[in-house]
Amino acid sequence: MNRKQKVRIVFFILMIGLVLSFMVLAEAFNATIQHDNNEYTKVNADIQGEIDTLKVKVKTSNNIDSIEKVAIEQLGMVYPGDEQCVYLTENDKPKGGFAAMLKSRAYN
């Protein structure tokens, strides 16, 4: 073997070593990313569980029976009697409509 062939063989071996080293580094990087992905998946599952719990709480809170129970027990509200009812006539109608009156009171 002459010197030129030896240089080619050494160069070829070095290139193979570099390629293999690159593959090992790429695999290590891939393992790190996979680990992070698994952690994010776990956190995501925990958050999804919390979301599902909150959805159930919202549905039970929006239930009319639940609202009535809180209104009566915690806020002391009662249904009005006949003597407490107010009947509106056409003259009691606000100018511009009821929605306009509510809007003006809410934003002023």
N, C-alpha and C. Protein backbone atom coordinates (compact mmCIF):
# COMPACT_ATOMS: atom_id res chain seq x y z
N MET A 1 0.82 -1.17 0.00
CA MET A 1 0.00 0.00 0.00
C MET A 1 0.87 1.25 0.00
N ASN A 2 0.49 2.13 -0.83
CA ASN A 2 1.26 3.37 -0.84
C ASN A 2 0.61 4.39 0.10
N ARG A 3 1.27 5.50 0.23
CA ARG A 3 0.86 6.53 1.18
C ARG A 3 -0.53 7.09 0.83
N LYS A 4 -0.83 7.25 -0.43
CA LYS A 4 -2.10 7.81 -0.87
C LYS A 4 -3.26 6.90 -0.46
N GLN A 5 -3.08 5.61 -0.58
CA GLN A 5 -4.13 4.67 -0.20
C GLN A 5 -4.34 4.67 1.32
N LYS A 6 -3.23 4.77 2.07
CA LYS A 6 -3.33 4.80 3.52
C LYS A 6 -4.08 6.05 3.99
N VAL A 7 -3.81 7.18 3.33
CA VAL A 7 -4.50 8.42 3.68
C VAL A 7 -5.99 8.29 3.39
N ARG A 8 -6.33 7.67 2.28
CA ARG A 8 -7.74 7.46 1.93
C ARG A 8 -8.43 6.57 2.96
N ILE A 9 -7.75 5.50 3.38
CA ILE A 9 -8.34 4.59 4.35
C ILE A 9 -8.54 5.30 5.69
N VAL A 10 -7.54 6.05 6.13
CA VAL A 10 -7.66 6.79 7.39
C VAL A 10 -8.78 7.83 7.28
N PHE A 11 -8.83 8.53 6.16
CA PHE A 11 -9.88 9.52 5.94
C PHE A 11 -11.26 8.85 5.96
N PHE A 12 -11.38 7.71 5.31
CA PHE A 12 -12.64 6.98 5.27
C PHE A 12 -13.05 6.53 6.68
N ILE A 13 -12.09 6.04 7.45
CA ILE A 13 -12.37 5.60 8.83
C ILE A 13 -12.79 6.80 9.69
N LEU A 14 -12.12 7.93 9.51
CA LEU A 14 -12.50 9.13 10.26
C LEU A 14 -13.91 9.60 9.89
N MET A 15 -14.24 9.53 8.61
CA MET A 15 -15.58 9.93 8.17
C MET A 15 -16.64 9.01 8.77
N ILE A 16 -16.36 7.71 8.78
CA ILE A 16 -17.30 6.76 9.39
C ILE A 16 -17.44 7.06 10.88
N GLY A 17 -16.33 7.36 11.55
CA GLY A 17 -16.37 7.71 12.97
C GLY A 17 -17.19 8.97 13.22
N LEU A 18 -17.03 9.97 12.35
CA LEU A 18 -17.80 11.21 12.49
C LEU A 18 -19.29 10.94 12.29
N VAL A 19 -19.60 10.15 11.28
CA VAL A 19 -21.01 9.83 11.01
C VAL A 19 -21.61 9.08 12.20
N LEU A 20 -20.88 8.11 12.73
CA LEU A 20 -21.38 7.35 13.88
C LEU A 20 -21.52 8.25 15.11
N SER A 21 -20.55 9.14 15.32
CA SER A 21 -20.63 10.08 16.44
C SER A 21 -21.85 10.98 16.29
N PHE A 22 -22.07 11.46 15.07
CA PHE A 22 -23.24 12.29 14.80
C PHE A 22 -24.53 11.52 15.09
N MET A 23 -24.57 10.26 14.70
CA MET A 23 -25.76 9.43 14.95
C MET A 23 -26.00 9.25 16.45
N VAL A 24 -24.93 9.06 17.22
CA VAL A 24 -25.07 8.90 18.67
C VAL A 24 -25.60 10.20 19.28
N LEU A 25 -25.04 11.33 18.86
CA LEU A 25 -25.50 12.62 19.37
C LEU A 25 -26.96 12.88 18.99
N ALA A 26 -27.31 12.55 17.76
CA ALA A 26 -28.69 12.74 17.31
C ALA A 26 -29.64 11.86 18.13
N GLU A 27 -29.24 10.65 18.42
CA GLU A 27 -30.08 9.75 19.22
C GLU A 27 -30.22 10.27 20.66
N ALA A 28 -29.16 10.82 21.21
CA ALA A 28 -29.23 11.40 22.56
C ALA A 28 -30.17 12.60 22.57
N PHE A 29 -30.07 13.43 21.55
CA PHE A 29 -30.96 14.59 21.44
C PHE A 29 -32.41 14.13 21.29
N ASN A 30 -32.61 13.10 20.50
CA ASN A 30 -33.95 12.54 20.31
C ASN A 30 -34.51 12.01 21.63
N ALA A 31 -33.68 11.34 22.42
CA ALA A 31 -34.12 10.82 23.71
C ALA A 31 -34.51 11.96 24.65
N THR A 32 -33.75 13.05 24.62
CA THR A 32 -34.07 14.20 25.45
C THR A 32 -35.41 14.80 25.04
N ILE A 33 -35.61 14.95 23.76
CA ILE A 33 -36.87 15.50 23.26
C ILE A 33 -38.03 14.57 23.62
N GLN A 34 -37.83 13.28 23.48
CA GLN A 34 -38.89 12.33 23.82
C GLN A 34 -39.24 12.40 25.31
N HIS A 35 -38.21 12.55 26.15
CA HIS A 35 -38.46 12.68 27.59
C HIS A 35 -39.28 13.93 27.89
N ASP A 36 -38.89 15.05 27.27
CA ASP A 36 -39.64 16.29 27.47
C ASP A 36 -41.08 16.13 26.98
N ASN A 37 -41.25 15.47 25.85
CA ASN A 37 -42.58 15.24 25.29
C ASN A 37 -43.43 14.42 26.25
N ASN A 38 -42.84 13.40 26.86
CA ASN A 38 -43.57 12.58 27.82
C ASN A 38 -43.98 13.40 29.04
N GLU A 39 -43.09 14.29 29.49
CA GLU A 39 -43.42 15.15 30.63
C GLU A 39 -44.58 16.08 30.28
N TYR A 40 -44.53 16.67 29.08
CA TYR A 40 -45.61 17.56 28.66
C TYR A 40 -46.92 16.80 28.52
N THR A 41 -46.86 15.58 28.06
CA THR A 41 -48.07 14.76 27.94
C THR A 41 -48.68 14.50 29.31
N LYS A 42 -47.83 14.24 30.29
CA LYS A 42 -48.30 14.00 31.66
C LYS A 42 -48.96 15.26 32.23
N VAL A 43 -48.30 16.40 32.05
CA VAL A 43 -48.85 17.66 32.54
C VAL A 43 -50.17 17.96 31.83
N ASN A 44 -50.21 17.69 30.53
CA ASN A 44 -51.42 17.92 29.75
C ASN A 44 -52.57 17.06 30.27
N ALA A 45 -52.28 15.81 30.61
CA ALA A 45 -53.32 14.92 31.14
C ALA A 45 -53.83 15.44 32.48
N ASP A 46 -52.93 15.95 33.32
CA ASP A 46 -53.34 16.52 34.61
C ASP A 46 -54.25 17.74 34.40
N ILE A 47 -53.85 18.60 33.48
CA ILE A 47 -54.65 19.80 33.21
C ILE A 47 -56.00 19.41 32.62
N GLN A 48 -56.02 18.41 31.75
CA GLN A 48 -57.29 17.97 31.16
C GLN A 48 -58.22 17.43 32.25
N GLY A 49 -57.66 16.75 33.24
CA GLY A 49 -58.47 16.29 34.36
C GLY A 49 -59.08 17.44 35.13
N GLU A 50 -58.29 18.49 35.35
CA GLU A 50 -58.81 19.68 36.03
C GLU A 50 -59.90 20.35 35.20
N ILE A 51 -59.71 20.40 33.89
CA ILE A 51 -60.71 21.00 33.01
C ILE A 51 -62.02 20.22 33.10
N ASP A 52 -61.92 18.89 33.06
CA ASP A 52 -63.13 18.07 33.15
C ASP A 52 -63.84 18.29 34.48
N THR A 53 -63.07 18.39 35.56
CA THR A 53 -63.67 18.64 36.88
C THR A 53 -64.38 19.99 36.90
N LEU A 54 -63.74 21.01 36.32
CA LEU A 54 -64.35 22.34 36.29
C LEU A 54 -65.61 22.36 35.42
N LYS A 55 -65.59 21.61 34.32
CA LYS A 55 -66.79 21.53 33.47
C LYS A 55 -67.96 20.95 34.25
N VAL A 56 -67.69 19.92 35.03
CA VAL A 56 -68.75 19.32 35.85
C VAL A 56 -69.26 20.33 36.87
N LYS A 57 -68.34 21.06 37.50
CA LYS A 57 -68.74 22.06 38.49
C LYS A 57 -69.59 23.16 37.85
N VAL A 58 -69.21 23.58 36.64
CA VAL A 58 -69.97 24.62 35.95
C VAL A 58 -71.36 24.11 35.61
N LYS A 59 -71.44 22.87 35.13
CA LYS A 59 -72.76 22.32 34.79
C LYS A 59 -73.65 22.21 36.02
N THR A 60 -73.08 21.79 37.14
CA THR A 60 -73.90 21.70 38.35
C THR A 60 -74.25 23.08 38.89
N SER A 61 -73.36 24.05 38.71
CA SER A 61 -73.64 25.41 39.18
C SER A 61 -74.71 26.08 38.33
N ASN A 62 -74.79 25.73 37.06
CA ASN A 62 -75.79 26.32 36.17
C ASN A 62 -77.14 25.62 36.28
N ASN A 63 -77.21 24.55 37.02
CA ASN A 63 -78.46 23.84 37.23
C ASN A 63 -79.41 24.74 38.01
N ILE A 64 -80.64 24.85 37.55
CA ILE A 64 -81.60 25.77 38.18
C ILE A 64 -81.87 25.40 39.63
N ASP A 65 -81.86 24.11 39.94
CA ASP A 65 -82.08 23.69 41.33
C ASP A 65 -80.93 24.15 42.22
N SER A 66 -79.72 24.07 41.71
CA SER A 66 -78.55 24.51 42.47
C SER A 66 -78.58 26.01 42.69
N ILE A 67 -78.96 26.75 41.66
CA ILE A 67 -79.05 28.21 41.77
C ILE A 67 -80.12 28.59 42.80
N GLU A 68 -81.25 27.90 42.73
CA GLU A 68 -82.34 28.18 43.68
C GLU A 68 -81.90 27.88 45.11
N LYS A 69 -81.20 26.79 45.31
CA LYS A 69 -80.74 26.40 46.64
C LYS A 69 -79.80 27.46 47.22
N VAL A 70 -78.84 27.93 46.41
CA VAL A 70 -77.91 28.97 46.87
C VAL A 70 -78.66 30.26 47.16
N ALA A 71 -79.60 30.61 46.29
CA ALA A 71 -80.35 31.86 46.49
C ALA A 71 -81.14 31.83 47.79
N ILE A 72 -81.76 30.70 48.08
CA ILE A 72 -82.58 30.61 49.29
C ILE A 72 -81.72 30.47 50.54
N GLU A 73 -80.76 29.53 50.51
CA GLU A 73 -80.00 29.22 51.72
C GLU A 73 -78.92 30.25 52.04
N GLN A 74 -78.19 30.70 51.04
CA GLN A 74 -77.06 31.59 51.31
C GLN A 74 -77.42 33.07 51.19
N LEU A 75 -78.31 33.39 50.27
CA LEU A 75 -78.63 34.80 50.04
C LEU A 75 -79.93 35.23 50.71
N GLY A 76 -80.68 34.27 51.24
CA GLY A 76 -81.92 34.60 51.95
C GLY A 76 -83.04 35.06 51.04
N MET A 77 -83.00 34.70 49.78
CA MET A 77 -84.03 35.13 48.84
C MET A 77 -85.26 34.23 49.01
N VAL A 78 -86.42 34.80 48.74
CA VAL A 78 -87.68 34.05 48.81
C VAL A 78 -88.51 34.39 47.58
N TYR A 79 -89.47 33.53 47.29
CA TYR A 79 -90.39 33.84 46.20
C TYR A 79 -91.34 34.94 46.65
N PRO A 80 -91.68 35.87 45.76
CA PRO A 80 -92.57 36.96 46.16
C PRO A 80 -94.00 36.46 46.36
N GLY A 81 -94.68 37.08 47.29
CA GLY A 81 -96.10 36.79 47.48
C GLY A 81 -96.92 37.65 46.54
N ASP A 82 -98.23 37.43 46.55
CA ASP A 82 -99.11 38.20 45.66
C ASP A 82 -99.07 39.69 45.98
N GLU A 83 -98.89 40.03 47.26
CA GLU A 83 -98.87 41.44 47.63
C GLU A 83 -97.57 42.13 47.22
N GLN A 84 -96.56 41.35 46.85
CA GLN A 84 -95.27 41.93 46.47
C GLN A 84 -95.12 42.06 44.96
N CYS A 85 -96.04 41.56 44.20
CA CYS A 85 -95.95 41.62 42.73
C CYS A 85 -96.32 43.01 42.24
N VAL A 86 -95.62 43.49 41.25
CA VAL A 86 -95.89 44.78 40.64
C VAL A 86 -96.25 44.51 39.19
N TYR A 87 -97.39 45.01 38.78
CA TYR A 87 -97.84 44.81 37.41
C TYR A 87 -97.58 46.08 36.63
N LEU A 88 -96.93 45.95 35.50
CA LEU A 88 -96.57 47.10 34.68
C LEU A 88 -97.64 47.34 33.63
N THR A 89 -97.84 48.62 33.34
CA THR A 89 -98.77 48.99 32.28
C THR A 89 -97.98 49.54 31.11
N GLU A 90 -98.67 49.89 30.07
CA GLU A 90 -98.01 50.44 28.88
C GLU A 90 -97.32 51.76 29.21
N ASN A 91 -97.85 52.52 30.16
CA ASN A 91 -97.26 53.80 30.55
C ASN A 91 -95.94 53.62 31.30
N ASP A 92 -95.73 52.43 31.88
CA ASP A 92 -94.50 52.17 32.63
C ASP A 92 -93.33 51.79 31.73
N LYS A 93 -93.60 51.59 30.48
CA LYS A 93 -92.57 51.16 29.54
C LYS A 93 -91.53 52.27 29.37
N PRO A 94 -90.22 51.96 29.54
CA PRO A 94 -89.20 53.01 29.40
C PRO A 94 -89.06 53.47 27.95
N LYS A 95 -88.68 54.74 27.80
CA LYS A 95 -88.48 55.28 26.46
C LYS A 95 -87.28 54.60 25.82
N GLY A 96 -87.40 54.18 24.59
CA GLY A 96 -86.31 53.52 23.89
C GLY A 96 -86.28 52.02 24.15
N GLY A 97 -87.15 51.54 25.02
CA GLY A 97 -87.21 50.11 25.29
C GLY A 97 -86.46 49.73 26.56
N PHE A 98 -86.77 48.57 27.05
CA PHE A 98 -86.19 48.08 28.30
C PHE A 98 -84.69 47.84 28.16
N ALA A 99 -84.26 47.30 27.01
CA ALA A 99 -82.84 47.01 26.80
C ALA A 99 -82.02 48.30 26.79
N ALA A 100 -82.54 49.35 26.18
CA ALA A 100 -81.82 50.62 26.15
C ALA A 100 -81.69 51.20 27.55
N MET A 101 -82.74 51.06 28.36
CA MET A 101 -82.69 51.56 29.73
C MET A 101 -81.65 50.79 30.55
N LEU A 102 -81.62 49.48 30.40
CA LEU A 102 -80.63 48.67 31.11
C LEU A 102 -79.21 49.03 30.67
N LYS A 103 -79.04 49.23 29.38
CA LYS A 103 -77.72 49.57 28.84
C LYS A 103 -77.26 50.92 29.39
N SER A 104 -78.15 51.89 29.43
CA SER A 104 -77.75 53.21 29.92
C SER A 104 -77.40 53.16 31.41
N ARG A 105 -78.11 52.36 32.18
CA ARG A 105 -77.80 52.24 33.61
C ARG A 105 -76.51 51.46 33.84
N ALA A 106 -76.26 50.48 33.00
CA ALA A 106 -75.07 49.64 33.20
C ALA A 106 -73.79 50.38 32.83
N TYR A 107 -73.84 51.21 31.81
CA TYR A 107 -72.62 51.84 31.31
C TYR A 107 -72.48 53.29 31.72
N ASN A 108 -73.35 53.81 32.55
CA ASN A 108 -73.23 55.21 33.00
C ASN A 108 -73.08 55.27 34.49
